[in-house]
Amino acid sequence: PVWAEHAERTETFLGQLGTTRKTERTRLQADYDRALRVVAE
């Protein structure tokens, strides 16, 4: 549940980022991918 909630919140933040926030998007995408990987494992 901790990892699933983290993935869900990160996905929400990703959806709210503007197109100019490339650095933040890259960091959040990596964090989101990591959370999904842990949930899948």
Full PDB file with SEQRES, HELIX, SHEET, SSBOND, CRYST1, ORIGX, SCALE, CONECT and MASTER records, all heavy atoms in Angstrom:
SEQRES   1 A   41  PRO VAL TRP ALA GLU HIS ALA GLU ARG THR GLU THR PHE          
SEQRES   2 A   41  LEU GLY GLN LEU GLY THR THR ARG LYS THR GLU ARG THR          
SEQRES   3 A   41  ARG LEU GLN ALA ASP TYR ASP ARG ALA LEU ARG VAL VAL          
SEQRES   4 A   41  ALA GLU                                                      
HELIX    1 AA1 VAL A    2  GLN A   16  1                                  15    
HELIX    2 AA2 LYS A   22  ALA A   40  1                                  19    
CRYST1    1.000    1.000    1.000  90.00  90.00  90.00 P 1           1          
ORIGX1      1.000000  0.000000  0.000000        0.00000                         
ORIGX2      0.000000  1.000000  0.000000        0.00000                         
ORIGX3      0.000000  0.000000  1.000000        0.00000                         
SCALE1      1.000000  0.000000  0.000000        0.00000                         
SCALE2      0.000000  1.000000  0.000000        0.00000                         
SCALE3      0.000000  0.000000  1.000000        0.00000                         
ATOM      1  N   PRO A   1       0.804  -1.227   0.000  1.00  0.00           N  
ATOM      2  CA  PRO A   1       0.000   0.000   0.000  1.00  0.00           C  
ATOM      3  C   PRO A   1       0.838   1.279   0.000  1.00  0.00           C  
ATOM      4  O   PRO A   1       0.472   2.269  -0.638  1.00  0.00           O  
ATOM      5  CB  PRO A   1      -0.831  -0.110   1.280  1.00  0.00           C  
ATOM      6  CG  PRO A   1      -0.881  -1.562   1.589  1.00  0.00           C  
ATOM      7  CD  PRO A   1       0.431  -2.119   1.109  1.00  0.00           C  
ATOM      8  N   VAL A   2       1.961   1.272   0.686  1.00  0.00           N  
ATOM      9  CA  VAL A   2       2.822   2.465   0.734  1.00  0.00           C  
ATOM     10  C   VAL A   2       3.352   2.776  -0.667  1.00  0.00           C  
ATOM     11  O   VAL A   2       3.313   3.915  -1.127  1.00  0.00           O  
ATOM     12  CB  VAL A   2       3.994   2.251   1.724  1.00  0.00           C  
ATOM     13  CG1 VAL A   2       4.982   3.402   1.651  1.00  0.00           C  
ATOM     14  CG2 VAL A   2       3.472   2.079   3.129  1.00  0.00           C  
ATOM     15  N   TRP A   3       3.839   1.739  -1.356  1.00  0.00           N  
ATOM     16  CA  TRP A   3       4.403   1.938  -2.700  1.00  0.00           C  
ATOM     17  C   TRP A   3       3.315   2.261  -3.711  1.00  0.00           C  
ATOM     18  O   TRP A   3       3.519   3.096  -4.602  1.00  0.00           O  
ATOM     19  CB  TRP A   3       5.205   0.710  -3.113  1.00  0.00           C  
ATOM     20  CG  TRP A   3       6.504   0.654  -2.402  1.00  0.00           C  
ATOM     21  CD1 TRP A   3       6.795  -0.059  -1.267  1.00  0.00           C  
ATOM     22  CD2 TRP A   3       7.693   1.363  -2.727  1.00  0.00           C  
ATOM     23  NE1 TRP A   3       8.085   0.162  -0.888  1.00  0.00           N  
ATOM     24  CE2 TRP A   3       8.668   1.024  -1.768  1.00  0.00           C  
ATOM     25  CE3 TRP A   3       8.027   2.245  -3.743  1.00  0.00           C  
ATOM     26  CZ2 TRP A   3       9.957   1.553  -1.804  1.00  0.00           C  
ATOM     27  CZ3 TRP A   3       9.314   2.765  -3.779  1.00  0.00           C  
ATOM     28  CH2 TRP A   3      10.257   2.421  -2.815  1.00  0.00           C  
ATOM     29  N   ALA A   4       2.155   1.623  -3.608  1.00  0.00           N  
ATOM     30  CA  ALA A   4       1.065   1.896  -4.541  1.00  0.00           C  
ATOM     31  C   ALA A   4       0.562   3.333  -4.393  1.00  0.00           C  
ATOM     32  O   ALA A   4       0.318   4.022  -5.394  1.00  0.00           O  
ATOM     33  CB  ALA A   4      -0.070   0.901  -4.327  1.00  0.00           C  
ATOM     34  N   GLU A   5       0.442   3.789  -3.153  1.00  0.00           N  
ATOM     35  CA  GLU A   5       0.011   5.169  -2.927  1.00  0.00           C  
ATOM     36  C   GLU A   5       1.059   6.154  -3.451  1.00  0.00           C  
ATOM     37  O   GLU A   5       0.717   7.174  -4.038  1.00  0.00           O  
ATOM     38  CB  GLU A   5      -0.249   5.420  -1.443  1.00  0.00           C  
ATOM     39  CG  GLU A   5      -0.733   6.828  -1.158  1.00  0.00           C  
ATOM     40  CD  GLU A   5      -0.996   7.092   0.310  1.00  0.00           C  
ATOM     41  OE1 GLU A   5      -0.953   6.151   1.119  1.00  0.00           O  
ATOM     42  OE2 GLU A   5      -1.224   8.267   0.643  1.00  0.00           O  
ATOM     43  N   HIS A   6       2.316   5.839  -3.244  1.00  0.00           N  
ATOM     44  CA  HIS A   6       3.382   6.706  -3.747  1.00  0.00           C  
ATOM     45  C   HIS A   6       3.309   6.798  -5.276  1.00  0.00           C  
ATOM     46  O   HIS A   6       3.426   7.888  -5.844  1.00  0.00           O  
ATOM     47  CB  HIS A   6       4.744   6.183  -3.300  1.00  0.00           C  
ATOM     48  CG  HIS A   6       5.890   6.988  -3.798  1.00  0.00           C  
ATOM     49  ND1 HIS A   6       6.085   8.303  -3.446  1.00  0.00           N  
ATOM     50  CD2 HIS A   6       6.901   6.671  -4.648  1.00  0.00           C  
ATOM     51  CE1 HIS A   6       7.179   8.762  -4.050  1.00  0.00           C  
ATOM     52  NE2 HIS A   6       7.672   7.786  -4.788  1.00  0.00           N  
ATOM     53  N   ALA A   7       3.104   5.676  -5.939  1.00  0.00           N  
ATOM     54  CA  ALA A   7       2.994   5.675  -7.399  1.00  0.00           C  
ATOM     55  C   ALA A   7       1.798   6.508  -7.844  1.00  0.00           C  
ATOM     56  O   ALA A   7       1.897   7.303  -8.788  1.00  0.00           O  
ATOM     57  CB  ALA A   7       2.881   4.246  -7.922  1.00  0.00           C  
ATOM     58  N   GLU A   8       0.678   6.351  -7.158  1.00  0.00           N  
ATOM     59  CA  GLU A   8      -0.533   7.092  -7.518  1.00  0.00           C  
ATOM     60  C   GLU A   8      -0.336   8.601  -7.366  1.00  0.00           C  
ATOM     61  O   GLU A   8      -0.699   9.376  -8.249  1.00  0.00           O  
ATOM     62  CB  GLU A   8      -1.691   6.619  -6.631  1.00  0.00           C  
ATOM     63  CG  GLU A   8      -3.025   7.237  -6.970  1.00  0.00           C  
ATOM     64  CD  GLU A   8      -4.130   6.711  -6.077  1.00  0.00           C  
ATOM     65  OE1 GLU A   8      -4.165   5.492  -5.825  1.00  0.00           O  
ATOM     66  OE2 GLU A   8      -4.953   7.531  -5.622  1.00  0.00           O  
ATOM     67  N   ARG A   9       0.261   9.003  -6.259  1.00  0.00           N  
ATOM     68  CA  ARG A   9       0.497  10.443  -6.039  1.00  0.00           C  
ATOM     69  C   ARG A   9       1.504  11.008  -7.045  1.00  0.00           C  
ATOM     70  O   ARG A   9       1.339  12.121  -7.539  1.00  0.00           O  
ATOM     71  CB  ARG A   9       0.986  10.688  -4.621  1.00  0.00           C  
ATOM     72  CG  ARG A   9      -0.100  10.526  -3.604  1.00  0.00           C  
ATOM     73  CD  ARG A   9       0.369  10.866  -2.222  1.00  0.00           C  
ATOM     74  NE  ARG A   9      -0.717  10.681  -1.275  1.00  0.00           N  
ATOM     75  CZ  ARG A   9      -0.624  10.947  -0.010  1.00  0.00           C  
ATOM     76  NH1 ARG A   9       0.501  11.409   0.484  1.00  0.00           N  
ATOM     77  NH2 ARG A   9      -1.655  10.750   0.792  1.00  0.00           N  
ATOM     78  N   THR A  10       2.525  10.227  -7.339  1.00  0.00           N  
ATOM     79  CA  THR A  10       3.527  10.692  -8.298  1.00  0.00           C  
ATOM     80  C   THR A  10       2.910  10.827  -9.682  1.00  0.00           C  
ATOM     81  O   THR A  10       3.192  11.786 -10.409  1.00  0.00           O  
ATOM     82  CB  THR A  10       4.735   9.730  -8.331  1.00  0.00           C  
ATOM     83  OG1 THR A  10       5.253   9.609  -7.003  1.00  0.00           O  
ATOM     84  CG2 THR A  10       5.822  10.240  -9.243  1.00  0.00           C  
ATOM     85  N   GLU A  11       2.047   9.888 -10.045  1.00  0.00           N  
ATOM     86  CA  GLU A  11       1.365   9.968 -11.337  1.00  0.00           C  
ATOM     87  C   GLU A  11       0.508  11.232 -11.412  1.00  0.00           C  
ATOM     88  O   GLU A  11       0.464  11.909 -12.443  1.00  0.00           O  
ATOM     89  CB  GLU A  11       0.508   8.726 -11.545  1.00  0.00           C  
ATOM     90  CG  GLU A  11      -0.187   8.686 -12.890  1.00  0.00           C  
ATOM     91  CD  GLU A  11      -1.006   7.437 -13.077  1.00  0.00           C  
ATOM     92  OE1 GLU A  11      -1.550   6.903 -12.087  1.00  0.00           O  
ATOM     93  OE2 GLU A  11      -1.113   6.989 -14.225  1.00  0.00           O  
ATOM     94  N   THR A  12      -0.149  11.570 -10.310  1.00  0.00           N  
ATOM     95  CA  THR A  12      -0.958  12.789 -10.259  1.00  0.00           C  
ATOM     96  C   THR A  12      -0.082  14.023 -10.483  1.00  0.00           C  
ATOM     97  O   THR A  12      -0.426  14.901 -11.277  1.00  0.00           O  
ATOM     98  CB  THR A  12      -1.689  12.908  -8.904  1.00  0.00           C  
ATOM     99  OG1 THR A  12      -2.552  11.774  -8.758  1.00  0.00           O  
ATOM    100  CG2 THR A  12      -2.494  14.187  -8.811  1.00  0.00           C  
ATOM    101  N   PHE A  13       1.058  14.083  -9.794  1.00  0.00           N  
ATOM    102  CA  PHE A  13       1.972  15.215  -9.980  1.00  0.00           C  
ATOM    103  C   PHE A  13       2.474  15.293 -11.415  1.00  0.00           C  
ATOM    104  O   PHE A  13       2.566  16.375 -11.994  1.00  0.00           O  
ATOM    105  CB  PHE A  13       3.164  15.127  -9.023  1.00  0.00           C  
ATOM    106  CG  PHE A  13       2.816  15.432  -7.597  1.00  0.00           C  
ATOM    107  CD1 PHE A  13       3.257  14.606  -6.581  1.00  0.00           C  
ATOM    108  CD2 PHE A  13       2.068  16.544  -7.259  1.00  0.00           C  
ATOM    109  CE1 PHE A  13       2.943  14.875  -5.255  1.00  0.00           C  
ATOM    110  CE2 PHE A  13       1.755  16.831  -5.938  1.00  0.00           C  
ATOM    111  CZ  PHE A  13       2.190  15.991  -4.934  1.00  0.00           C  
ATOM    112  N   LEU A  14       2.793  14.156 -11.996  1.00  0.00           N  
ATOM    113  CA  LEU A  14       3.254  14.139 -13.387  1.00  0.00           C  
ATOM    114  C   LEU A  14       2.200  14.723 -14.324  1.00  0.00           C  
ATOM    115  O   LEU A  14       2.525  15.466 -15.258  1.00  0.00           O  
ATOM    116  CB  LEU A  14       3.597  12.711 -13.828  1.00  0.00           C  
ATOM    117  CG  LEU A  14       4.959  12.197 -13.419  1.00  0.00           C  
ATOM    118  CD1 LEU A  14       5.050  10.692 -13.639  1.00  0.00           C  
ATOM    119  CD2 LEU A  14       6.060  12.905 -14.191  1.00  0.00           C  
ATOM    120  N   GLY A  15       0.952  14.394 -14.079  1.00  0.00           N  
ATOM    121  CA  GLY A  15      -0.138  14.890 -14.915  1.00  0.00           C  
ATOM    122  C   GLY A  15      -0.368  16.381 -14.783  1.00  0.00           C  
ATOM    123  O   GLY A  15      -0.944  17.002 -15.675  1.00  0.00           O  
ATOM    124  N   GLN A  16       0.086  16.962 -13.681  1.00  0.00           N  
ATOM    125  CA  GLN A  16      -0.129  18.386 -13.448  1.00  0.00           C  
ATOM    126  C   GLN A  16       1.051  19.258 -13.863  1.00  0.00           C  
ATOM    127  O   GLN A  16       0.945  20.479 -13.850  1.00  0.00           O  
ATOM    128  CB  GLN A  16      -0.445  18.618 -11.973  1.00  0.00           C  
ATOM    129  CG  GLN A  16      -1.755  17.988 -11.550  1.00  0.00           C  
ATOM    130  CD  GLN A  16      -2.003  18.118 -10.058  1.00  0.00           C  
ATOM    131  OE1 GLN A  16      -1.152  18.556  -9.307  1.00  0.00           O  
ATOM    132  NE2 GLN A  16      -3.182  17.721  -9.624  1.00  0.00           N  
ATOM    133  N   LEU A  17       2.168  18.645 -14.226  1.00  0.00           N  
ATOM    134  CA  LEU A  17       3.345  19.428 -14.606  1.00  0.00           C  
ATOM    135  C   LEU A  17       3.172  20.042 -15.991  1.00  0.00           C  
ATOM    136  O   LEU A  17       2.687  19.383 -16.913  1.00  0.00           O  
ATOM    137  CB  LEU A  17       4.598  18.554 -14.620  1.00  0.00           C  
ATOM    138  CG  LEU A  17       5.199  18.209 -13.278  1.00  0.00           C  
ATOM    139  CD1 LEU A  17       6.393  17.282 -13.484  1.00  0.00           C  
ATOM    140  CD2 LEU A  17       5.633  19.445 -12.532  1.00  0.00           C  
ATOM    141  N   GLY A  18       3.608  21.271 -16.112  1.00  0.00           N  
ATOM    142  CA  GLY A  18       3.585  21.925 -17.414  1.00  0.00           C  
ATOM    143  C   GLY A  18       4.705  21.411 -18.301  1.00  0.00           C  
ATOM    144  O   GLY A  18       5.641  20.753 -17.835  1.00  0.00           O  
ATOM    145  N   THR A  19       4.637  21.724 -19.565  1.00  0.00           N  
ATOM    146  CA  THR A  19       5.624  21.226 -20.529  1.00  0.00           C  
ATOM    147  C   THR A  19       7.016  21.801 -20.304  1.00  0.00           C  
ATOM    148  O   THR A  19       7.995  21.212 -20.753  1.00  0.00           O  
ATOM    149  CB  THR A  19       5.174  21.543 -21.963  1.00  0.00           C  
ATOM    150  OG1 THR A  19       4.959  22.961 -22.079  1.00  0.00           O  
ATOM    151  CG2 THR A  19       3.900  20.802 -22.324  1.00  0.00           C  
ATOM    152  N   THR A  20       7.115  22.924 -19.632  1.00  0.00           N  
ATOM    153  CA  THR A  20       8.432  23.530 -19.406  1.00  0.00           C  
ATOM    154  C   THR A  20       9.174  22.913 -18.230  1.00  0.00           C  
ATOM    155  O   THR A  20      10.349  23.194 -18.020  1.00  0.00           O  
ATOM    156  CB  THR A  20       8.286  25.046 -19.153  1.00  0.00           C  
ATOM    157  OG1 THR A  20       7.476  25.240 -18.001  1.00  0.00           O  
ATOM    158  CG2 THR A  20       7.668  25.734 -20.355  1.00  0.00           C  
ATOM    159  N   ARG A  21       8.541  22.057 -17.470  1.00  0.00           N  
ATOM    160  CA  ARG A  21       9.146  21.456 -16.267  1.00  0.00           C  
ATOM    161  C   ARG A  21       9.825  20.135 -16.601  1.00  0.00           C  
ATOM    162  O   ARG A  21       9.579  19.111 -15.990  1.00  0.00           O  
ATOM    163  CB  ARG A  21       8.072  21.248 -15.190  1.00  0.00           C  
ATOM    164  CG  ARG A  21       7.242  22.468 -14.848  1.00  0.00           C  
ATOM    165  CD  ARG A  21       8.002  23.521 -14.061  1.00  0.00           C  
ATOM    166  NE  ARG A  21       8.575  23.036 -12.858  1.00  0.00           N  
ATOM    167  CZ  ARG A  21       8.031  23.099 -11.649  1.00  0.00           C  
ATOM    168  NH1 ARG A  21       6.851  23.646 -11.493  1.00  0.00           N  
ATOM    169  NH2 ARG A  21       8.668  22.639 -10.613  1.00  0.00           N  
ATOM    170  N   LYS A  22      10.721  20.137 -17.573  1.00  0.00           N  
ATOM    171  CA  LYS A  22      11.344  18.913 -18.080  1.00  0.00           C  
ATOM    172  C   LYS A  22      12.214  18.212 -17.040  1.00  0.00           C  
ATOM    173  O   LYS A  22      12.186  16.993 -16.914  1.00  0.00           O  
ATOM    174  CB  LYS A  22      12.147  19.206 -19.337  1.00  0.00           C  
ATOM    175  CG  LYS A  22      11.271  19.603 -20.495  1.00  0.00           C  
ATOM    176  CD  LYS A  22      12.081  19.946 -21.726  1.00  0.00           C  
ATOM    177  CE  LYS A  22      11.128  20.400 -22.819  1.00  0.00           C  
ATOM    178  NZ  LYS A  22      11.816  20.818 -24.007  1.00  0.00           N  
ATOM    179  N   THR A  23      13.002  18.963 -16.300  1.00  0.00           N  
ATOM    180  CA  THR A  23      13.880  18.362 -15.293  1.00  0.00           C  
ATOM    181  C   THR A  23      13.056  17.689 -14.202  1.00  0.00           C  
ATOM    182  O   THR A  23      13.337  16.549 -13.821  1.00  0.00           O  
ATOM    183  CB  THR A  23      14.813  19.425 -14.676  1.00  0.00           C  
ATOM    184  OG1 THR A  23      15.569  20.025 -15.713  1.00  0.00           O  
ATOM    185  CG2 THR A  23      15.737  18.812 -13.644  1.00  0.00           C  
ATOM    186  N   GLU A  24      12.035  18.386 -13.732  1.00  0.00           N  
ATOM    187  CA  GLU A  24      11.172  17.822 -12.703  1.00  0.00           C  
ATOM    188  C   GLU A  24      10.416  16.605 -13.238  1.00  0.00           C  
ATOM    189  O   GLU A  24      10.247  15.608 -12.543  1.00  0.00           O  
ATOM    190  CB  GLU A  24      10.187  18.878 -12.188  1.00  0.00           C  
ATOM    191  CG  GLU A  24       9.347  18.433 -11.029  1.00  0.00           C  
ATOM    192  CD  GLU A  24      10.141  18.173  -9.760  1.00  0.00           C  
ATOM    193  OE1 GLU A  24      11.322  18.529  -9.674  1.00  0.00           O  
ATOM    194  OE2 GLU A  24       9.560  17.598  -8.828  1.00  0.00           O  
ATOM    195  N   ARG A  25       9.966  16.670 -14.474  1.00  0.00           N  
ATOM    196  CA  ARG A  25       9.255  15.545 -15.080  1.00  0.00           C  
ATOM    197  C   ARG A  25      10.162  14.310 -15.158  1.00  0.00           C  
ATOM    198  O   ARG A  25       9.740  13.201 -14.838  1.00  0.00           O  
ATOM    199  CB  ARG A  25       8.748  15.908 -16.475  1.00  0.00           C  
ATOM    200  CG  ARG A  25       8.023  14.746 -17.168  1.00  0.00           C  
ATOM    201  CD  ARG A  25       7.371  15.166 -18.465  1.00  0.00           C  
ATOM    202  NE  ARG A  25       6.377  16.204 -18.294  1.00  0.00           N  
ATOM    203  CZ  ARG A  25       5.147  16.022 -17.819  1.00  0.00           C  
ATOM    204  NH1 ARG A  25       4.778  14.814 -17.452  1.00  0.00           N  
ATOM    205  NH2 ARG A  25       4.312  17.021 -17.710  1.00  0.00           N  
ATOM    206  N   THR A  26      11.400  14.513 -15.546  1.00  0.00           N  
ATOM    207  CA  THR A  26      12.341  13.400 -15.647  1.00  0.00           C  
ATOM    208  C   THR A  26      12.562  12.758 -14.287  1.00  0.00           C  
ATOM    209  O   THR A  26      12.537  11.535 -14.148  1.00  0.00           O  
ATOM    210  CB  THR A  26      13.690  13.884 -16.226  1.00  0.00           C  
ATOM    211  OG1 THR A  26      13.452  14.438 -17.522  1.00  0.00           O  
ATOM    212  CG2 THR A  26      14.692  12.759 -16.334  1.00  0.00           C  
ATOM    213  N   ARG A  27      12.749  13.575 -13.261  1.00  0.00           N  
ATOM    214  CA  ARG A  27      12.958  13.052 -11.911  1.00  0.00           C  
ATOM    215  C   ARG A  27      11.731  12.313 -11.403  1.00  0.00           C  
ATOM    216  O   ARG A  27      11.823  11.203 -10.879  1.00  0.00           O  
ATOM    217  CB  ARG A  27      13.307  14.197 -10.953  1.00  0.00           C  
ATOM    218  CG  ARG A  27      13.689  13.712  -9.549  1.00  0.00           C  
ATOM    219  CD  ARG A  27      13.806  14.855  -8.567  1.00  0.00           C  
ATOM    220  NE  ARG A  27      12.548  15.499  -8.274  1.00  0.00           N  
ATOM    221  CZ  ARG A  27      11.594  14.981  -7.493  1.00  0.00           C  
ATOM    222  NH1 ARG A  27      11.749  13.806  -6.940  1.00  0.00           N  
ATOM    223  NH2 ARG A  27      10.483  15.643  -7.256  1.00  0.00           N  
ATOM    224  N   LEU A  28      10.561  12.913 -11.584  1.00  0.00           N  
ATOM    225  CA  LEU A  28       9.337  12.276 -11.120  1.00  0.00           C  
ATOM    226  C   LEU A  28       9.014  11.003 -11.904  1.00  0.00           C  
ATOM    227  O   LEU A  28       8.519  10.034 -11.334  1.00  0.00           O  
ATOM    228  CB  LEU A  28       8.156  13.250 -11.211  1.00  0.00           C  
ATOM    229  CG  LEU A  28       8.062  14.287 -10.114  1.00  0.00           C  
ATOM    230  CD1 LEU A  28       6.933  15.276 -10.412  1.00  0.00           C  
ATOM    231  CD2 LEU A  28       7.837  13.635  -8.765  1.00  0.00           C  
ATOM    232  N   GLN A  29       9.311  10.994 -13.191  1.00  0.00           N  
ATOM    233  CA  GLN A  29       9.051   9.800 -13.990  1.00  0.00           C  
ATOM    234  C   GLN A  29       9.905   8.635 -13.501  1.00  0.00           C  
ATOM    235  O   GLN A  29       9.426   7.505 -13.388  1.00  0.00           O  
ATOM    236  CB  GLN A  29       9.320  10.068 -15.478  1.00  0.00           C  
ATOM    237  CG  GLN A  29       8.955   8.904 -16.381  1.00  0.00           C  
ATOM    238  CD  GLN A  29       7.463   8.606 -16.378  1.00  0.00           C  
ATOM    239  OE1 GLN A  29       6.655   9.504 -16.573  1.00  0.00           O  
ATOM    240  NE2 GLN A  29       7.097   7.354 -16.143  1.00  0.00           N  
ATOM    241  N   ALA A  30      11.163   8.912 -13.178  1.00  0.00           N  
ATOM    242  CA  ALA A  30      12.042   7.863 -12.651  1.00  0.00           C  
ATOM    243  C   ALA A  30      11.513   7.355 -11.306  1.00  0.00           C  
ATOM    244  O   ALA A  30      11.521   6.146 -11.039  1.00  0.00           O  
ATOM    245  CB  ALA A  30      13.468   8.382 -12.507  1.00  0.00           C  
ATOM    246  N   ASP A  31      11.048   8.257 -10.469  1.00  0.00           N  
ATOM    247  CA  ASP A  31      10.494   7.879  -9.171  1.00  0.00           C  
ATOM    248  C   ASP A  31       9.225   7.057  -9.349  1.00  0.00           C  
ATOM    249  O   ASP A  31       9.018   6.044  -8.663  1.00  0.00           O  
ATOM    250  CB  ASP A  31      10.216   9.146  -8.358  1.00  0.00           C  
ATOM    251  CG  ASP A  31      10.060   8.878  -6.882  1.00  0.00           C  
ATOM    252  OD1 ASP A  31      10.761   7.997  -6.349  1.00  0.00           O  
ATOM    253  OD2 ASP A  31       9.225   9.559  -6.251  1.00  0.00           O  
ATOM    254  N   TYR A  32       8.371   7.461 -10.274  1.00  0.00           N  
ATOM    255  CA  TYR A  32       7.137   6.740 -10.576  1.00  0.00           C  
ATOM    256  C   TYR A  32       7.447   5.332 -11.097  1.00  0.00           C  
ATOM    257  O   TYR A  32       6.871   4.346 -10.639  1.00  0.00           O  
ATOM    258  CB  TYR A  32       6.331   7.529 -11.600  1.00  0.00           C  
ATOM    259  CG  TYR A  32       5.083   6.847 -12.076  1.00  0.00           C  
ATOM    260  CD1 TYR A  32       3.995   6.663 -11.234  1.00  0.00           C  
ATOM    261  CD2 TYR A  32       4.982   6.400 -13.386  1.00  0.00           C  
ATOM    262  CE1 TYR A  32       2.838   6.037 -11.674  1.00  0.00           C  
ATOM    263  CE2 TYR A  32       3.833   5.778 -13.841  1.00  0.00           C  
ATOM    264  CZ  TYR A  32       2.767   5.602 -12.979  1.00  0.00           C  
ATOM    265  OH  TYR A  32       1.630   4.977 -13.423  1.00  0.00           O  
ATOM    266  N   ASP A  33       8.380   5.239 -12.022  1.00  0.00           N  
ATOM    267  CA  ASP A  33       8.767   3.938 -12.581  1.00  0.00           C  
ATOM    268  C   ASP A  33       9.311   3.012 -11.495  1.00  0.00           C  
ATOM    269  O   ASP A  33       9.017   1.818 -11.481  1.00  0.00           O  
ATOM    270  CB  ASP A  33       9.805   4.114 -13.694  1.00  0.00           C  
ATOM    271  CG  ASP A  33       9.243   4.815 -14.917  1.00  0.00           C  
ATOM    272  OD1 ASP A  33       8.006   4.901 -15.064  1.00  0.00           O  
ATOM    273  OD2 ASP A  33      10.061   5.313 -15.736  1.00  0.00           O  
ATOM    274  N   ARG A  34      10.105   3.567 -10.593  1.00  0.00           N  
ATOM    275  CA  ARG A  34      10.664   2.780  -9.492  1.00  0.00           C  
ATOM    276  C   ARG A  34       9.553   2.255  -8.587  1.00  0.00           C  
ATOM    277  O   ARG A  34       9.540   1.088  -8.203  1.00  0.00           O  
ATOM    278  CB  ARG A  34      11.654   3.624  -8.699  1.00  0.00           C  
ATOM    279  CG  ARG A  34      12.269   2.890  -7.521  1.00  0.00           C  
ATOM    280  CD  ARG A  34      13.223   3.754  -6.784  1.00  0.00           C  
ATOM    281  NE  ARG A  34      12.515   4.907  -6.232  1.00  0.00           N  
ATOM    282  CZ  ARG A  34      13.040   5.778  -5.411  1.00  0.00           C  
ATOM    283  NH1 ARG A  34      14.293   5.665  -5.052  1.00  0.00           N  
ATOM    284  NH2 ARG A  34      12.341   6.777  -4.943  1.00  0.00           N  
ATOM    285  N   ALA A  35       8.590   3.101  -8.251  1.00  0.00           N  
ATOM    286  CA  ALA A  35       7.480   2.674  -7.387  1.00  0.00           C  
ATOM    287  C   ALA A  35       6.665   1.569  -8.065  1.00  0.00           C  
ATOM    288  O   ALA A  35       6.290   0.583  -7.420  1.00  0.00           O  
ATOM    289  CB  ALA A  35       6.589   3.866  -7.030  1.00  0.00           C  
ATOM    290  N   LEU A  36       6.404   1.719  -9.358  1.00  0.00           N  
ATOM    291  CA  LEU A  36       5.670   0.678 -10.080  1.00  0.00           C  
ATOM    292  C   LEU A  36       6.451  -0.628 -10.114  1.00  0.00           C  
ATOM    293  O   LEU A  36       5.867  -1.712 -10.006  1.00  0.00           O  
ATOM    294  CB  LEU A  36       5.364   1.130 -11.509  1.00  0.00           C  
ATOM    295  CG  LEU A  36       4.314   2.217 -11.679  1.00  0.00           C  
ATOM    296  CD1 LEU A  36       4.123   2.524 -13.168  1.00  0.00           C  
ATOM    297  CD2 LEU A  36       2.986   1.818 -11.042  1.00  0.00           C  
ATOM    298  N   ARG A  37       7.764  -0.535 -10.244  1.00  0.00           N  
ATOM    299  CA  ARG A  37       8.602  -1.740 -10.256  1.00  0.00           C  
ATOM    300  C   ARG A  37       8.519  -2.469  -8.911  1.00  0.00           C  
ATOM    301  O   ARG A  37       8.387  -3.692  -8.868  1.00  0.00           O  
ATOM    302  CB  ARG A  37      10.056  -1.381 -10.579  1.00  0.00           C  
ATOM    303  CG  ARG A  37      10.978  -2.592 -10.616  1.00  0.00           C  
ATOM    304  CD  ARG A  37      12.384  -2.234 -11.087  1.00  0.00           C  
ATOM    305  NE  ARG A  37      12.986  -1.109 -10.417  1.00  0.00           N  
ATOM    306  CZ  ARG A  37      13.635  -1.174  -9.256  1.00  0.00           C  
ATOM    307  NH1 ARG A  37      13.747  -2.320  -8.619  1.00  0.00           N  
ATOM    308  NH2 ARG A  37      14.163  -0.095  -8.728  1.00  0.00           N  
ATOM    309  N   VAL A  38       8.584  -1.724  -7.816  1.00  0.00           N  
ATOM    310  CA  VAL A  38       8.495  -2.349  -6.494  1.00  0.00           C  
ATOM    311  C   VAL A  38       7.130  -3.009  -6.311  1.00  0.00           C  
ATOM    312  O   VAL A  38       7.043  -4.151  -5.843  1.00  0.00           O  
ATOM    313  CB  VAL A  38       8.779  -1.328  -5.370  1.00  0.00           C  
ATOM    314  CG1 VAL A  38       8.477  -1.921  -4.006  1.00  0.00           C  
ATOM    315  CG2 VAL A  38      10.228  -0.854  -5.438  1.00  0.00           C  
ATOM    316  N   VAL A  39       6.049  -2.332  -6.708  1.00  0.00           N  
ATOM    317  CA  VAL A  39       4.704  -2.918  -6.596  1.00  0.00           C  
ATOM    318  C   VAL A  39       4.630  -4.195  -7.434  1.00  0.00           C  
ATOM    319  O   VAL A  39       4.113  -5.219  -6.976  1.00  0.00           O  
ATOM    320  CB  VAL A  39       3.620  -1.909  -7.029  1.00  0.00           C  
ATOM    321  CG1 VAL A  39       2.265  -2.583  -7.183  1.00  0.00           C  
ATOM    322  CG2 VAL A  39       3.528  -0.764  -6.029  1.00  0.00           C  
ATOM    323  N   ALA A  40       5.160  -4.157  -8.648  1.00  0.00           N  
ATOM    324  CA  ALA A  40       5.139  -5.341  -9.515  1.00  0.00           C  
ATOM    325  C   ALA A  40       5.936  -6.493  -8.904  1.00  0.00           C  
ATOM    326  O   ALA A  40       5.515  -7.659  -8.982  1.00  0.00           O  
ATOM    327  CB  ALA A  40       5.679  -4.984 -10.897  1.00  0.00           C  
ATOM    328  N   GLU A  41       7.075  -6.179  -8.285  1.00  0.00           N  
ATOM    329  CA  GLU A  41       7.883  -7.228  -7.647  1.00  0.00           C  
ATOM    330  C   GLU A  41       7.153  -7.840  -6.453  1.00  0.00           C  
ATOM    331  O   GLU A  41       7.185  -9.054  -6.255  1.00  0.00           O  
ATOM    332  CB  GLU A  41       9.235  -6.669  -7.223  1.00  0.00           C  
ATOM    333  CG  GLU A  41      10.142  -6.359  -8.404  1.00  0.00           C  
ATOM    334  CD  GLU A  41      11.413  -5.609  -8.014  1.00  0.00           C  
ATOM    335  OE1 GLU A  41      11.617  -5.327  -6.814  1.00  0.00           O  
ATOM    336  OE2 GLU A  41      12.201  -5.302  -8.922  1.00  0.00           O  
TER     337      GLU A  41                                                      
MASTER        0    0    0    2    0    0    0    6  336    1    0    4          
END                                                                             
